[in-house]
């Protein structure tokens, strides 16, 4: 699943993509995708500040979807992608992700990870601009 939210926080404007039904109250607009193929369509159609993606999704797994988002060089080609998984994944499968979070998810840790990645990503964009 894939959802985007936007809200001004002390970390700046945060837009995210969410997997599972985990409530994250740092943004306001939500866009969901029910499988990896739909996630690709969503990622191609609008920019996000961060993408949260389950590793196991129907029709296309999260690793392949994240790899294709990265290789597309589209609006989310460099967007931070956080993977969710119920088990550890190997280094090769973890490559397209900026961070891997193992379930059960600790909300505070996830929020700190999002804040760190969005802040770093924003700094990198500012250096290029």
C-alpha atoms as a PDB file:
ATOM      1  CA  UNK A   1       0.000   0.000   0.000  1.00  0.00           C
ATOM      2  CA  UNK A   2       1.121   3.471  -0.741  1.00  0.00           C
ATOM      3  CA  UNK A   3      -0.129   6.723   0.710  1.00  0.00           C
ATOM      4  CA  UNK A   4       0.954  10.297   0.662  1.00  0.00           C
ATOM      5  CA  UNK A   5       0.359  12.886   3.321  1.00  0.00           C
ATOM      6  CA  UNK A   6       1.489  16.494   3.573  1.00  0.00           C
ATOM      7  CA  UNK A   7       1.704  18.738   6.618  1.00  0.00           C
ATOM      8  CA  UNK A   8       4.002  21.446   7.892  1.00  0.00           C
ATOM      9  CA  UNK A   9       5.957  20.171  10.885  1.00  0.00           C
ATOM     10  CA  UNK A  10       9.042  21.352  12.680  1.00  0.00           C
ATOM     11  CA  UNK A  11      10.938  19.145  10.212  1.00  0.00           C
ATOM     12  CA  UNK A  12       9.452  20.984   7.220  1.00  0.00           C
ATOM     13  CA  UNK A  13       6.717  19.862   4.869  1.00  0.00           C
ATOM     14  CA  UNK A  14       6.421  16.097   4.915  1.00  0.00           C
ATOM     15  CA  UNK A  15       4.735  13.991   2.281  1.00  0.00           C
ATOM     16  CA  UNK A  16       4.889  10.277   2.771  1.00  0.00           C
ATOM     17  CA  UNK A  17       3.832   6.989   1.389  1.00  0.00           C
ATOM     18  CA  UNK A  18       2.427   4.617   3.945  1.00  0.00           C
ATOM     19  CA  UNK A  19       2.148   0.878   4.119  1.00  0.00           C
ATOM     20  CA  UNK A  20      -0.176  -0.983   6.464  1.00  0.00           C
ATOM     21  CA  UNK A  21      -2.808   0.918   8.375  1.00  0.00           C
ATOM     22  CA  UNK A  22      -0.293   2.623  10.629  1.00  0.00           C
ATOM     23  CA  UNK A  23      -1.580   6.072  11.561  1.00  0.00           C
ATOM     24  CA  UNK A  24       1.074   8.712  10.974  1.00  0.00           C
ATOM     25  CA  UNK A  25      -0.109  12.182  11.878  1.00  0.00           C
ATOM     26  CA  UNK A  26       2.612  14.239  10.224  1.00  0.00           C
ATOM     27  CA  UNK A  27       0.847  14.930   6.955  1.00  0.00           C
ATOM     28  CA  UNK A  28      -2.598  15.457   5.504  1.00  0.00           C
ATOM     29  CA  UNK A  29      -3.093  14.077   1.956  1.00  0.00           C
ATOM     30  CA  UNK A  30      -3.387  10.309   1.561  1.00  0.00           C
ATOM     31  CA  UNK A  31      -2.879   8.319  -1.645  1.00  0.00           C
ATOM     32  CA  UNK A  32      -2.950   4.523  -1.459  1.00  0.00           C
ATOM     33  CA  UNK A  33      -1.921   1.769  -3.810  1.00  0.00           C
ATOM     34  CA  UNK A  34      -3.115  -1.769  -3.299  1.00  0.00           C
ATOM     35  CA  UNK A  35      -0.217  -3.487  -5.035  1.00  0.00           C
ATOM     36  CA  UNK A  36       3.219  -2.854  -6.489  1.00  0.00           C
ATOM     37  CA  UNK A  37       1.947  -1.993  -9.972  1.00  0.00           C
ATOM     38  CA  UNK A  38      -0.397   0.634  -8.593  1.00  0.00           C
ATOM     39  CA  UNK A  39       2.463   1.945  -6.439  1.00  0.00           C
ATOM     40  CA  UNK A  40       4.499   2.516  -9.624  1.00  0.00           C
ATOM     41  CA  UNK A  41       1.623   4.448 -11.183  1.00  0.00           C
ATOM     42  CA  UNK A  42       1.251   6.615  -8.079  1.00  0.00           C
ATOM     43  CA  UNK A  43       4.989   7.293  -7.901  1.00  0.00           C
ATOM     44  CA  UNK A  44       5.021   8.310 -11.571  1.00  0.00           C
ATOM     45  CA  UNK A  45       2.095  10.691 -11.212  1.00  0.00           C
ATOM     46  CA  UNK A  46       3.087  12.956  -8.312  1.00  0.00           C
ATOM     47  CA  UNK A  47       6.130  13.825  -6.198  1.00  0.00           C
ATOM     48  CA  UNK A  48       6.474  12.617  -2.604  1.00  0.00           C
ATOM     49  CA  UNK A  49       8.913  13.591   0.134  1.00  0.00           C
ATOM     50  CA  UNK A  50       9.166  10.013   1.372  1.00  0.00           C
ATOM     51  CA  UNK A  51       7.783   6.636   0.279  1.00  0.00           C
ATOM     52  CA  UNK A  52       6.884   3.890   2.744  1.00  0.00           C
ATOM     53  CA  UNK A  53       6.555   0.541   1.002  1.00  0.00           C
ATOM     54  CA  UNK A  54       5.825  -2.990   2.122  1.00  0.00           C
ATOM     55  CA  UNK A  55       8.304  -5.516   0.760  1.00  0.00           C
ATOM     56  CA  UNK A  56       5.523  -8.061   0.135  1.00  0.00           C
ATOM     57  CA  UNK A  57       2.765  -6.752  -2.111  1.00  0.00           C
ATOM     58  CA  UNK A  58       0.582  -8.463  -4.709  1.00  0.00           C
ATOM     59  CA  UNK A  59       1.388  -8.352  -8.454  1.00  0.00           C
ATOM     60  CA  UNK A  60       4.831  -6.802  -7.876  1.00  0.00           C
ATOM     61  CA  UNK A  61       6.839  -6.918  -4.669  1.00  0.00           C
ATOM     62  CA  UNK A  62       8.148  -3.803  -2.970  1.00  0.00           C
ATOM     63  CA  UNK A  63      11.769  -4.483  -3.896  1.00  0.00           C
ATOM     64  CA  UNK A  64      10.988  -4.564  -7.618  1.00  0.00           C
ATOM     65  CA  UNK A  65       8.622  -1.575  -7.363  1.00  0.00           C
ATOM     66  CA  UNK A  66      11.268   0.455  -5.499  1.00  0.00           C
ATOM     67  CA  UNK A  67      13.932  -0.548  -8.048  1.00  0.00           C
ATOM     68  CA  UNK A  68      11.713   0.608 -10.896  1.00  0.00           C
ATOM     69  CA  UNK A  69      10.921   3.889  -9.134  1.00  0.00           C
ATOM     70  CA  UNK A  70      14.675   4.455  -8.736  1.00  0.00           C
ATOM     71  CA  UNK A  71      15.536   3.556 -12.324  1.00  0.00           C
ATOM     72  CA  UNK A  72      12.676   5.594 -13.809  1.00  0.00           C
ATOM     73  CA  UNK A  73      14.444   8.874 -13.039  1.00  0.00           C
ATOM     74  CA  UNK A  74      10.939  10.288 -12.673  1.00  0.00           C
ATOM     75  CA  UNK A  75       9.661  12.686 -10.039  1.00  0.00           C
ATOM     76  CA  UNK A  76      10.429  10.171  -7.247  1.00  0.00           C
ATOM     77  CA  UNK A  77      13.668   8.718  -8.592  1.00  0.00           C
ATOM     78  CA  UNK A  78      15.655  10.122  -5.672  1.00  0.00           C
ATOM     79  CA  UNK A  79      12.850  10.225  -3.096  1.00  0.00           C
ATOM     80  CA  UNK A  80      13.721   8.378   0.127  1.00  0.00           C
ATOM     81  CA  UNK A  81      12.045   4.948   0.201  1.00  0.00           C
ATOM     82  CA  UNK A  82      11.530   3.105   3.488  1.00  0.00           C
ATOM     83  CA  UNK A  83      10.791  -0.622   3.305  1.00  0.00           C
ATOM     84  CA  UNK A  84       8.625  -2.556   5.730  1.00  0.00           C
ATOM     85  CA  UNK A  85       9.112  -6.274   6.210  1.00  0.00           C
ATOM     86  CA  UNK A  86       8.168  -8.958   8.714  1.00  0.00           C
ATOM     87  CA  UNK A  87      11.612 -10.534   8.342  1.00  0.00           C
ATOM     88  CA  UNK A  88      15.143  -9.467   7.551  1.00  0.00           C
ATOM     89  CA  UNK A  89      16.003  -8.970   3.880  1.00  0.00           C
ATOM     90  CA  UNK A  90      19.379  -9.513   2.258  1.00  0.00           C
ATOM     91  CA  UNK A  91      21.644  -6.682   1.129  1.00  0.00           C
ATOM     92  CA  UNK A  92      20.737  -7.101  -2.544  1.00  0.00           C
ATOM     93  CA  UNK A  93      17.001  -6.821  -1.887  1.00  0.00           C
ATOM     94  CA  UNK A  94      17.616  -3.833   0.405  1.00  0.00           C
ATOM     95  CA  UNK A  95      19.529  -1.831  -2.247  1.00  0.00           C
ATOM     96  CA  UNK A  96      16.659   0.278  -3.625  1.00  0.00           C
ATOM     97  CA  UNK A  97      15.623   1.327  -0.115  1.00  0.00           C
ATOM     98  CA  UNK A  98      17.099   4.089   2.005  1.00  0.00           C
ATOM     99  CA  UNK A  99      16.022   2.287   5.168  1.00  0.00           C
ATOM    100  CA  UNK A 100      14.502  -1.086   6.066  1.00  0.00           C
ATOM    101  CA  UNK A 101      12.116  -1.273   9.030  1.00  0.00           C
ATOM    102  CA  UNK A 102      11.354  -4.709  10.479  1.00  0.00           C
ATOM    103  CA  UNK A 103       7.829  -5.258  11.822  1.00  0.00           C
ATOM    104  CA  UNK A 104       6.412  -4.825  14.380  1.00  0.00           C
ATOM    105  CA  UNK A 105       6.854  -1.137  13.739  1.00  0.00           C
ATOM    106  CA  UNK A 106       7.708   1.154  16.633  1.00  0.00           C
ATOM    107  CA  UNK A 107       5.903   4.412  15.724  1.00  0.00           C
ATOM    108  CA  UNK A 108       8.429   6.709  17.419  1.00  0.00           C
ATOM    109  CA  UNK A 109      11.356   5.049  15.622  1.00  0.00           C
ATOM    110  CA  UNK A 110       9.529   5.242  12.293  1.00  0.00           C
ATOM    111  CA  UNK A 111       8.755   8.933  12.751  1.00  0.00           C
ATOM    112  CA  UNK A 112      12.387   9.659  13.612  1.00  0.00           C
ATOM    113  CA  UNK A 113      13.527   7.730  10.522  1.00  0.00           C
ATOM    114  CA  UNK A 114      11.114   9.666   8.302  1.00  0.00           C
ATOM    115  CA  UNK A 115      12.223  12.990   9.787  1.00  0.00           C
ATOM    116  CA  UNK A 116      15.901  12.103   9.313  1.00  0.00           C
ATOM    117  CA  UNK A 117      15.502  10.952   5.700  1.00  0.00           C
ATOM    118  CA  UNK A 118      13.270  13.850   4.673  1.00  0.00           C
ATOM    119  CA  UNK A 119      15.626  16.358   6.289  1.00  0.00           C
ATOM    120  CA  UNK A 120      18.687  14.803   4.590  1.00  0.00           C
ATOM    121  CA  UNK A 121      16.874  14.599   1.227  1.00  0.00           C
ATOM    122  CA  UNK A 122      15.793  18.253   1.487  1.00  0.00           C
ATOM    123  CA  UNK A 123      19.375  19.290   2.282  1.00  0.00           C
ATOM    124  CA  UNK A 124      20.663  17.419  -0.786  1.00  0.00           C
ATOM    125  CA  UNK A 125      18.076  19.074  -3.047  1.00  0.00           C
ATOM    126  CA  UNK A 126      19.004  22.511  -1.652  1.00  0.00           C
ATOM    127  CA  UNK A 127      22.699  21.875  -2.440  1.00  0.00           C
ATOM    128  CA  UNK A 128      21.874  21.088  -6.077  1.00  0.00           C
ATOM    129  CA  UNK A 129      19.472  24.007  -6.557  1.00  0.00           C
END
